[in-house]
Amino acid sequence: DSPRDSEDAELDARALLAMAAGASLFLSTVATEDDTDAVHA
């Protein structure tokens, strides 16, 4: 669904997945004080 070149678009997707999942993992295990609606938003 991306207008970008397929290779660039797949790299974008993997980077976004890593950032989203990594942030949620970190907040749920280490930075638990910031595991809040505001930070996730």
PDB file of all heavy atoms in Angstrom:
ATOM      1  N   ASP A   1       0.806  -1.224   0.000  1.00  0.00           N
ATOM      2  CA  ASP A   1       0.000   0.000   0.000  1.00  0.00           C
ATOM      3  C   ASP A   1       0.838   1.273   0.000  1.00  0.00           C
ATOM      4  O   ASP A   1       0.300   2.376  -0.015  1.00  0.00           O
ATOM      5  CB  ASP A   1      -0.922   0.023   1.236  1.00  0.00           C
ATOM      6  CG  ASP A   1      -1.990  -1.046   1.165  1.00  0.00           C
ATOM      7  OD1 ASP A   1      -2.367  -1.416   0.038  1.00  0.00           O
ATOM      8  OD2 ASP A   1      -2.434  -1.521   2.231  1.00  0.00           O
ATOM      9  N   SER A   2       2.154   1.118   0.030  1.00  0.00           N
ATOM     10  CA  SER A   2       3.024   2.290   0.096  1.00  0.00           C
ATOM     11  C   SER A   2       3.376   2.785  -1.301  1.00  0.00           C
ATOM     12  O   SER A   2       3.605   1.979  -2.209  1.00  0.00           O
ATOM     13  CB  SER A   2       4.312   1.949   0.853  1.00  0.00           C
ATOM     14  OG  SER A   2       5.225   3.026   0.794  1.00  0.00           O
ATOM     15  N   PRO A   3       3.428   4.108  -1.495  1.00  0.00           N
ATOM     16  CA  PRO A   3       3.823   4.647  -2.800  1.00  0.00           C
ATOM     17  C   PRO A   3       5.330   4.575  -3.041  1.00  0.00           C
ATOM     18  O   PRO A   3       5.792   4.850  -4.137  1.00  0.00           O
ATOM     19  CB  PRO A   3       3.350   6.098  -2.732  1.00  0.00           C
ATOM     20  CG  PRO A   3       3.400   6.428  -1.278  1.00  0.00           C
ATOM     21  CD  PRO A   3       3.030   5.166  -0.559  1.00  0.00           C
ATOM     22  N   ARG A   4       6.093   4.192  -2.021  1.00  0.00           N
ATOM     23  CA  ARG A   4       7.538   4.133  -2.161  1.00  0.00           C
ATOM     24  C   ARG A   4       7.977   2.853  -2.858  1.00  0.00           C
ATOM     25  O   ARG A   4       7.209   1.900  -3.001  1.00  0.00           O
ATOM     26  CB  ARG A   4       8.209   4.234  -0.782  1.00  0.00           C
ATOM     27  CG  ARG A   4       8.222   5.643  -0.245  1.00  0.00           C
ATOM     28  CD  ARG A   4       8.512   5.701   1.236  1.00  0.00           C
ATOM     29  NE  ARG A   4       9.788   5.140   1.635  1.00  0.00           N
ATOM     30  CZ  ARG A   4      10.953   5.777   1.544  1.00  0.00           C
ATOM     31  NH1 ARG A   4      11.007   6.994   1.003  1.00  0.00           N
ATOM     32  NH2 ARG A   4      12.067   5.231   1.991  1.00  0.00           N
ATOM     33  N   ASP A   5       9.225   2.852  -3.293  1.00  0.00           N
ATOM     34  CA  ASP A   5       9.825   1.658  -3.876  1.00  0.00           C
ATOM     35  C   ASP A   5       9.658   0.492  -2.900  1.00  0.00           C
ATOM     36  O   ASP A   5       9.733   0.663  -1.681  1.00  0.00           O
ATOM     37  CB  ASP A   5      11.312   1.926  -4.134  1.00  0.00           C
ATOM     38  CG  ASP A   5      12.047   0.680  -4.578  1.00  0.00           C
ATOM     39  OD1 ASP A   5      12.001   0.360  -5.777  1.00  0.00           O
ATOM     40  OD2 ASP A   5      12.659   0.028  -3.709  1.00  0.00           O
ATOM     41  N   SER A   6       9.417  -0.718  -3.425  1.00  0.00           N
ATOM     42  CA  SER A   6       9.077  -1.860  -2.577  1.00  0.00           C
ATOM     43  C   SER A   6      10.152  -2.154  -1.529  1.00  0.00           C
ATOM     44  O   SER A   6       9.832  -2.451  -0.370  1.00  0.00           O
ATOM     45  CB  SER A   6       8.825  -3.101  -3.435  1.00  0.00           C
ATOM     46  OG  SER A   6       9.974  -3.428  -4.190  1.00  0.00           O
ATOM     47  N   GLU A   7      11.427  -2.070  -1.917  1.00  0.00           N
ATOM     48  CA  GLU A   7      12.499  -2.344  -0.961  1.00  0.00           C
ATOM     49  C   GLU A   7      12.540  -1.288   0.138  1.00  0.00           C
ATOM     50  O   GLU A   7      12.700  -1.603   1.317  1.00  0.00           O
ATOM     51  CB  GLU A   7      13.846  -2.428  -1.672  1.00  0.00           C
ATOM     52  CG  GLU A   7      14.011  -3.663  -2.553  1.00  0.00           C
ATOM     53  CD  GLU A   7      15.413  -3.791  -3.092  1.00  0.00           C
ATOM     54  OE1 GLU A   7      16.285  -2.989  -2.686  1.00  0.00           O
ATOM     55  OE2 GLU A   7      15.655  -4.690  -3.918  1.00  0.00           O
ATOM     56  N   ASP A   8      12.392  -0.017  -0.257  1.00  0.00           N
ATOM     57  CA  ASP A   8      12.372   1.057   0.737  1.00  0.00           C
ATOM     58  C   ASP A   8      11.154   0.921   1.652  1.00  0.00           C
ATOM     59  O   ASP A   8      11.244   1.134   2.867  1.00  0.00           O
ATOM     60  CB  ASP A   8      12.342   2.422   0.051  1.00  0.00           C
ATOM     61  CG  ASP A   8      13.682   2.784  -0.577  1.00  0.00           C
ATOM     62  OD1 ASP A   8      14.708   2.232  -0.132  1.00  0.00           O
ATOM     63  OD2 ASP A   8      13.699   3.594  -1.521  1.00  0.00           O
ATOM     64  N   ALA A   9      10.018   0.574   1.062  1.00  0.00           N
ATOM     65  CA  ALA A   9       8.792   0.450   1.845  1.00  0.00           C
ATOM     66  C   ALA A   9       8.898  -0.690   2.857  1.00  0.00           C
ATOM     67  O   ALA A   9       8.446  -0.563   4.002  1.00  0.00           O
ATOM     68  CB  ALA A   9       7.600   0.221   0.915  1.00  0.00           C
ATOM     69  N   GLU A  10       9.498  -1.802   2.454  1.00  0.00           N
ATOM     70  CA  GLU A  10       9.651  -2.921   3.392  1.00  0.00           C
ATOM     71  C   GLU A  10      10.611  -2.556   4.518  1.00  0.00           C
ATOM     72  O   GLU A  10      10.393  -2.908   5.676  1.00  0.00           O
ATOM     73  CB  GLU A  10      10.143  -4.171   2.672  1.00  0.00           C
ATOM     74  CG  GLU A  10      10.233  -5.369   3.608  1.00  0.00           C
ATOM     75  CD  GLU A  10      10.493  -6.677   2.892  1.00  0.00           C
ATOM     76  OE1 GLU A  10      10.428  -6.699   1.649  1.00  0.00           O
ATOM     77  OE2 GLU A  10      10.768  -7.670   3.595  1.00  0.00           O
ATOM     78  N   LEU A  11      11.663  -1.824   4.178  1.00  0.00           N
ATOM     79  CA  LEU A  11      12.596  -1.362   5.212  1.00  0.00           C
ATOM     80  C   LEU A  11      11.887  -0.411   6.173  1.00  0.00           C
ATOM     81  O   LEU A  11      12.092  -0.477   7.391  1.00  0.00           O
ATOM     82  CB  LEU A  11      13.791  -0.677   4.558  1.00  0.00           C
ATOM     83  CG  LEU A  11      14.913  -0.216   5.503  1.00  0.00           C
ATOM     84  CD1 LEU A  11      15.499  -1.400   6.260  1.00  0.00           C
ATOM     85  CD2 LEU A  11      16.000   0.511   4.720  1.00  0.00           C
ATOM     86  N   ASP A  12      11.050   0.488   5.626  1.00  0.00           N
ATOM     87  CA  ASP A  12      10.257   1.383   6.476  1.00  0.00           C
ATOM     88  C   ASP A  12       9.397   0.566   7.446  1.00  0.00           C
ATOM     89  O   ASP A  12       9.336   0.866   8.644  1.00  0.00           O
ATOM     90  CB  ASP A  12       9.330   2.260   5.624  1.00  0.00           C
ATOM     91  CG  ASP A  12      10.085   3.242   4.741  1.00  0.00           C
ATOM     92  OD1 ASP A  12      11.262   3.519   5.030  1.00  0.00           O
ATOM     93  OD2 ASP A  12       9.483   3.703   3.755  1.00  0.00           O
ATOM     94  N   ALA A  13       8.725  -0.460   6.907  1.00  0.00           N
ATOM     95  CA  ALA A  13       7.809  -1.258   7.722  1.00  0.00           C
ATOM     96  C   ALA A  13       8.543  -1.972   8.850  1.00  0.00           C
ATOM     97  O   ALA A  13       8.098  -1.973  10.005  1.00  0.00           O
ATOM     98  CB  ALA A  13       7.084  -2.272   6.842  1.00  0.00           C
ATOM     99  N   ARG A  14       9.684  -2.577   8.536  1.00  0.00           N
ATOM    100  CA  ARG A  14      10.431  -3.307   9.559  1.00  0.00           C
ATOM    101  C   ARG A  14      10.968  -2.346  10.634  1.00  0.00           C
ATOM    102  O   ARG A  14      10.997  -2.687  11.823  1.00  0.00           O
ATOM    103  CB  ARG A  14      11.557  -4.105   8.926  1.00  0.00           C
ATOM    104  CG  ARG A  14      11.063  -5.262   8.069  1.00  0.00           C
ATOM    105  CD  ARG A  14      12.196  -6.141   7.566  1.00  0.00           C
ATOM    106  NE  ARG A  14      11.689  -7.215   6.746  1.00  0.00           N
ATOM    107  CZ  ARG A  14      11.171  -8.345   7.209  1.00  0.00           C
ATOM    108  NH1 ARG A  14      11.086  -8.527   8.529  1.00  0.00           N
ATOM    109  NH2 ARG A  14      10.729  -9.290   6.403  1.00  0.00           N
ATOM    110  N   ALA A  15      11.387  -1.168  10.209  1.00  0.00           N
ATOM    111  CA  ALA A  15      11.862  -0.180  11.180  1.00  0.00           C
ATOM    112  C   ALA A  15      10.729   0.280  12.089  1.00  0.00           C
ATOM    113  O   ALA A  15      10.901   0.403  13.308  1.00  0.00           O
ATOM    114  CB  ALA A  15      12.477   1.011  10.443  1.00  0.00           C
ATOM    115  N   LEU A  16       9.555   0.529  11.509  1.00  0.00           N
ATOM    116  CA  LEU A  16       8.409   0.960  12.304  1.00  0.00           C
ATOM    117  C   LEU A  16       7.972  -0.135  13.273  1.00  0.00           C
ATOM    118  O   LEU A  16       7.633   0.140  14.430  1.00  0.00           O
ATOM    119  CB  LEU A  16       7.257   1.349  11.378  1.00  0.00           C
ATOM    120  CG  LEU A  16       7.451   2.657  10.601  1.00  0.00           C
ATOM    121  CD1 LEU A  16       6.470   2.736   9.425  1.00  0.00           C
ATOM    122  CD2 LEU A  16       7.294   3.860  11.524  1.00  0.00           C
ATOM    123  N   LEU A  17       7.966  -1.383  12.806  1.00  0.00           N
ATOM    124  CA  LEU A  17       7.622  -2.504  13.684  1.00  0.00           C
ATOM    125  C   LEU A  17       8.605  -2.603  14.847  1.00  0.00           C
ATOM    126  O   LEU A  17       8.203  -2.799  16.000  1.00  0.00           O
ATOM    127  CB  LEU A  17       7.630  -3.816  12.891  1.00  0.00           C
ATOM    128  CG  LEU A  17       6.407  -4.122  12.027  1.00  0.00           C
ATOM    129  CD1 LEU A  17       6.726  -5.236  11.043  1.00  0.00           C
ATOM    130  CD2 LEU A  17       5.230  -4.526  12.916  1.00  0.00           C
ATOM    131  N   ALA A  18       9.885  -2.488  14.534  1.00  0.00           N
ATOM    132  CA  ALA A  18      10.904  -2.595  15.577  1.00  0.00           C
ATOM    133  C   ALA A  18      10.764  -1.468  16.595  1.00  0.00           C
ATOM    134  O   ALA A  18      10.907  -1.689  17.814  1.00  0.00           O
ATOM    135  CB  ALA A  18      12.292  -2.581  14.951  1.00  0.00           C
ATOM    136  N   MET A  19      10.493  -0.245  16.118  1.00  0.00           N
ATOM    137  CA  MET A  19      10.355   0.882  17.037  1.00  0.00           C
ATOM    138  C   MET A  19       9.115   0.728  17.919  1.00  0.00           C
ATOM    139  O   MET A  19       9.175   0.973  19.132  1.00  0.00           O
ATOM    140  CB  MET A  19      10.292   2.194  16.252  1.00  0.00           C
ATOM    141  CG  MET A  19      11.630   2.617  15.673  1.00  0.00           C
ATOM    142  SD  MET A  19      11.626   4.290  14.982  1.00  0.00           S
ATOM    143  CE  MET A  19      10.668   4.024  13.475  1.00  0.00           C
ATOM    144  N   ALA A  20       7.995   0.328  17.323  1.00  0.00           N
ATOM    145  CA  ALA A  20       6.757   0.202  18.095  1.00  0.00           C
ATOM    146  C   ALA A  20       6.848  -0.931  19.107  1.00  0.00           C
ATOM    147  O   ALA A  20       6.539  -0.755  20.295  1.00  0.00           O
ATOM    148  CB  ALA A  20       5.579  -0.025  17.148  1.00  0.00           C
ATOM    149  N   ALA A  21       7.280  -2.110  18.645  1.00  0.00           N
ATOM    150  CA  ALA A  21       7.381  -3.258  19.552  1.00  0.00           C
ATOM    151  C   ALA A  21       8.476  -3.033  20.593  1.00  0.00           C
ATOM    152  O   ALA A  21       8.299  -3.367  21.772  1.00  0.00           O
ATOM    153  CB  ALA A  21       7.653  -4.529  18.753  1.00  0.00           C
ATOM    154  N   GLY A  22       9.598  -2.471  20.156  1.00  0.00           N
ATOM    155  CA  GLY A  22      10.689  -2.223  21.093  1.00  0.00           C
ATOM    156  C   GLY A  22      10.301  -1.246  22.180  1.00  0.00           C
ATOM    157  O   GLY A  22      10.642  -1.432  23.355  1.00  0.00           O
ATOM    158  N   ALA A  23       9.581  -0.198  21.803  1.00  0.00           N
ATOM    159  CA  ALA A  23       9.141   0.786  22.795  1.00  0.00           C
ATOM    160  C   ALA A  23       8.192   0.148  23.809  1.00  0.00           C
ATOM    161  O   ALA A  23       8.310   0.366  25.019  1.00  0.00           O
ATOM    162  CB  ALA A  23       8.460   1.963  22.100  1.00  0.00           C
ATOM    163  N   SER A  24       7.256  -0.648  23.314  1.00  0.00           N
ATOM    164  CA  SER A  24       6.292  -1.282  24.219  1.00  0.00           C
ATOM    165  C   SER A  24       6.972  -2.289  25.141  1.00  0.00           C
ATOM    166  O   SER A  24       6.639  -2.383  26.329  1.00  0.00           O
ATOM    167  CB  SER A  24       5.194  -1.979  23.409  1.00  0.00           C
ATOM    168  OG  SER A  24       4.397  -1.033  22.725  1.00  0.00           O
ATOM    169  N   LEU A  25       7.922  -3.044  24.599  1.00  0.00           N
ATOM    170  CA  LEU A  25       8.662  -3.996  25.431  1.00  0.00           C
ATOM    171  C   LEU A  25       9.453  -3.270  26.516  1.00  0.00           C
ATOM    172  O   LEU A  25       9.436  -3.658  27.687  1.00  0.00           O
ATOM    173  CB  LEU A  25       9.608  -4.824  24.550  1.00  0.00           C
ATOM    174  CG  LEU A  25      10.591  -5.745  25.273  1.00  0.00           C
ATOM    175  CD1 LEU A  25       9.849  -6.771  26.117  1.00  0.00           C
ATOM    176  CD2 LEU A  25      11.504  -6.438  24.271  1.00  0.00           C
ATOM    177  N   PHE A  26      10.143  -2.194  26.140  1.00  0.00           N
ATOM    178  CA  PHE A  26      10.957  -1.444  27.094  1.00  0.00           C
ATOM    179  C   PHE A  26      10.088  -0.831  28.185  1.00  0.00           C
ATOM    180  O   PHE A  26      10.425  -0.878  29.381  1.00  0.00           O
ATOM    181  CB  PHE A  26      11.744  -0.365  26.361  1.00  0.00           C
ATOM    182  CG  PHE A  26      12.758   0.329  27.217  1.00  0.00           C
ATOM    183  CD1 PHE A  26      13.994  -0.245  27.468  1.00  0.00           C
ATOM    184  CD2 PHE A  26      12.475   1.575  27.779  1.00  0.00           C
ATOM    185  CE1 PHE A  26      14.936   0.402  28.270  1.00  0.00           C
ATOM    186  CE2 PHE A  26      13.405   2.222  28.575  1.00  0.00           C
ATOM    187  CZ  PHE A  26      14.638   1.635  28.822  1.00  0.00           C
ATOM    188  N   LEU A  27       8.963  -0.243  27.794  1.00  0.00           N
ATOM    189  CA  LEU A  27       8.087   0.393  28.775  1.00  0.00           C
ATOM    190  C   LEU A  27       7.470  -0.631  29.729  1.00  0.00           C
ATOM    191  O   LEU A  27       7.240  -0.332  30.900  1.00  0.00           O
ATOM    192  CB  LEU A  27       6.980   1.165  28.059  1.00  0.00           C
ATOM    193  CG  LEU A  27       7.412   2.457  27.366  1.00  0.00           C
ATOM    194  CD1 LEU A  27       6.296   2.990  26.484  1.00  0.00           C
ATOM    195  CD2 LEU A  27       7.840   3.509  28.382  1.00  0.00           C
ATOM    196  N   SER A  28       7.190  -1.836  29.231  1.00  0.00           N
ATOM    197  CA  SER A  28       6.535  -2.843  30.070  1.00  0.00           C
ATOM    198  C   SER A  28       7.505  -3.575  30.984  1.00  0.00           C
ATOM    199  O   SER A  28       7.076  -4.229  31.947  1.00  0.00           O
ATOM    200  CB  SER A  28       5.805  -3.863  29.184  1.00  0.00           C
ATOM    201  OG  SER A  28       6.727  -4.659  28.450  1.00  0.00           O
ATOM    202  N   THR A  29       8.822  -3.454  30.732  1.00  0.00           N
ATOM    203  CA  THR A  29       9.785  -4.206  31.527  1.00  0.00           C
ATOM    204  C   THR A  29      10.784  -3.331  32.282  1.00  0.00           C
ATOM    205  O   THR A  29      11.245  -3.715  33.355  1.00  0.00           O
ATOM    206  CB  THR A  29      10.590  -5.176  30.635  1.00  0.00           C
ATOM    207  OG1 THR A  29      11.220  -4.435  29.570  1.00  0.00           O
ATOM    208  CG2 THR A  29       9.682  -6.236  30.033  1.00  0.00           C
ATOM    209  N   VAL A  30      11.139  -2.180  31.725  1.00  0.00           N
ATOM    210  CA  VAL A  30      12.167  -1.333  32.335  1.00  0.00           C
ATOM    211  C   VAL A  30      11.589   0.004  32.788  1.00  0.00           C
ATOM    212  O   VAL A  30      11.624   0.345  33.972  1.00  0.00           O
ATOM    213  CB  VAL A  30      13.344  -1.103  31.360  1.00  0.00           C
ATOM    214  CG1 VAL A  30      14.387  -0.195  32.013  1.00  0.00           C
ATOM    215  CG2 VAL A  30      13.974  -2.434  30.959  1.00  0.00           C
ATOM    216  N   ALA A  31      11.051   0.768  31.846  1.00  0.00           N
ATOM    217  CA  ALA A  31      10.538   2.104  32.160  1.00  0.00           C
ATOM    218  C   ALA A  31       9.063   2.027  32.551  1.00  0.00           C
ATOM    219  O   ALA A  31       8.204   2.700  31.973  1.00  0.00           O
ATOM    220  CB  ALA A  31      10.734   3.039  30.969  1.00  0.00           C
ATOM    221  N   THR A  32       8.769   1.200  33.538  1.00  0.00           N
ATOM    222  CA  THR A  32       7.368   0.944  33.887  1.00  0.00           C
ATOM    223  C   THR A  32       6.652   2.193  34.405  1.00  0.00           C
ATOM    224  O   THR A  32       5.426   2.295  34.297  1.00  0.00           O
ATOM    225  CB  THR A  32       7.285  -0.174  34.938  1.00  0.00           C
ATOM    226  OG1 THR A  32       8.117   0.161  36.072  1.00  0.00           O
ATOM    227  CG2 THR A  32       7.766  -1.496  34.358  1.00  0.00           C
ATOM    228  N   GLU A  33       7.416   3.146  34.975  1.00  0.00           N
ATOM    229  CA  GLU A  33       6.783   4.395  35.438  1.00  0.00           C
ATOM    230  C   GLU A  33       6.185   5.177  34.278  1.00  0.00           C
ATOM    231  O   GLU A  33       5.248   5.968  34.467  1.00  0.00           O
ATOM    232  CB  GLU A  33       7.806   5.278  36.167  1.00  0.00           C
ATOM    233  CG  GLU A  33       8.335   4.698  37.469  1.00  0.00           C
ATOM    234  CD  GLU A  33       9.474   3.706  37.250  1.00  0.00           C
ATOM    235  OE1 GLU A  33       9.841   3.467  36.072  1.00  0.00           O
ATOM    236  OE2 GLU A  33       9.992   3.181  38.242  1.00  0.00           O
ATOM    237  N   ASP A  34       6.717   4.983  33.087  1.00  0.00           N
ATOM    238  CA  ASP A  34       6.233   5.696  31.911  1.00  0.00           C
ATOM    239  C   ASP A  34       5.343   4.839  31.016  1.00  0.00           C
ATOM    240  O   ASP A  34       5.039   5.231  29.886  1.00  0.00           O
ATOM    241  CB  ASP A  34       7.416   6.217  31.084  1.00  0.00           C
ATOM    242  CG  ASP A  34       8.062   7.439  31.725  1.00  0.00           C
ATOM    243  OD1 ASP A  34       7.314   8.267  32.268  1.00  0.00           O
ATOM    244  OD2 ASP A  34       9.300   7.550  31.672  1.00  0.00           O
ATOM    245  N   ASP A  35       4.905   3.708  31.523  1.00  0.00           N
ATOM    246  CA  ASP A  35       4.003   2.842  30.756  1.00  0.00           C
ATOM    247  C   ASP A  35       2.583   3.376  30.923  1.00  0.00           C
ATOM    248  O   ASP A  35       1.722   2.748  31.538  1.00  0.00           O
ATOM    249  CB  ASP A  35       4.127   1.404  31.261  1.00  0.00           C
ATOM    250  CG  ASP A  35       3.455   0.402  30.324  1.00  0.00           C
ATOM    251  OD1 ASP A  35       3.041   0.800  29.215  1.00  0.00           O
ATOM    252  OD2 ASP A  35       3.336  -0.773  30.706  1.00  0.00           O
ATOM    253  N   THR A  36       2.353   4.555  30.338  1.00  0.00           N
ATOM    254  CA  THR A  36       1.103   5.277  30.544  1.00  0.00           C
ATOM    255  C   THR A  36       0.426   5.571  29.201  1.00  0.00           C
ATOM    256  O   THR A  36       1.051   5.492  28.144  1.00  0.00           O
ATOM    257  CB  THR A  36       1.364   6.619  31.252  1.00  0.00           C
ATOM    258  OG1 THR A  36       2.191   7.440  30.399  1.00  0.00           O
ATOM    259  CG2 THR A  36       2.075   6.403  32.579  1.00  0.00           C
ATOM    260  N   ASP A  37      -0.841   5.925  29.288  1.00  0.00           N
ATOM    261  CA  ASP A  37      -1.580   6.281  28.075  1.00  0.00           C
ATOM    262  C   ASP A  37      -0.905   7.448  27.356  1.00  0.00           C
ATOM    263  O   ASP A  37      -0.816   7.463  26.124  1.00  0.00           O
ATOM    264  CB  ASP A  37      -3.025   6.663  28.420  1.00  0.00           C
ATOM    265  CG  ASP A  37      -3.849   5.470  28.882  1.00  0.00           C
ATOM    266  OD1 ASP A  37      -3.415   4.323  28.648  1.00  0.00           O
ATOM    267  OD2 ASP A  37      -4.924   5.688  29.472  1.00  0.00           O
ATOM    268  N   ALA A  38      -0.454   8.443  28.123  1.00  0.00           N
ATOM    269  CA  ALA A  38       0.127   9.638  27.519  1.00  0.00           C
ATOM    270  C   ALA A  38       1.401   9.308  26.745  1.00  0.00           C
ATOM    271  O   ALA A  38       1.601   9.792  25.621  1.00  0.00           O
ATOM    272  CB  ALA A  38       0.428  10.673  28.596  1.00  0.00           C
ATOM    273  N   VAL A  39       2.266   8.497  27.329  1.00  0.00           N
ATOM    274  CA  VAL A  39       3.521   8.149  26.653  1.00  0.00           C
ATOM    275  C   VAL A  39       3.245   7.306  25.413  1.00  0.00           C
ATOM    276  O   VAL A  39       3.833   7.536  24.345  1.00  0.00           O
ATOM    277  CB  VAL A  39       4.473   7.409  27.619  1.00  0.00           C
ATOM    278  CG1 VAL A  39       5.672   6.834  26.863  1.00  0.00           C
ATOM    279  CG2 VAL A  39       4.957   8.360  28.703  1.00  0.00           C
ATOM    280  N   HIS A  40       2.352   6.342  25.523  1.00  0.00           N
ATOM    281  CA  HIS A  40       2.037   5.506  24.359  1.00  0.00           C
ATOM    282  C   HIS A  40       1.381   6.324  23.246  1.00  0.00           C
ATOM    283  O   HIS A  40       1.643   6.098  22.064  1.00  0.00           O
ATOM    284  CB  HIS A  40       1.136   4.341  24.765  1.00  0.00           C
ATOM    285  CG  HIS A  40       1.875   3.221  25.427  1.00  0.00           C
ATOM    286  ND1 HIS A  40       2.585   2.276  24.712  1.00  0.00           N
ATOM    287  CD2 HIS A  40       2.021   2.907  26.735  1.00  0.00           C
ATOM    288  CE1 HIS A  40       3.132   1.411  25.555  1.00  0.00           C
ATOM    289  NE2 HIS A  40       2.810   1.775  26.781  1.00  0.00           N
ATOM    290  N   ALA A  41       0.533   7.281  23.637  1.00  0.00           N
ATOM    291  CA  ALA A  41      -0.087   8.143  22.632  1.00  0.00           C
ATOM    292  C   ALA A  41       0.965   8.975  21.909  1.00  0.00           C
ATOM    293  O   ALA A  41       0.915   9.144  20.684  1.00  0.00           O
ATOM    294  CB  ALA A  41      -1.121   9.056  23.294  1.00  0.00           C
TER     295      ALA A  41
END
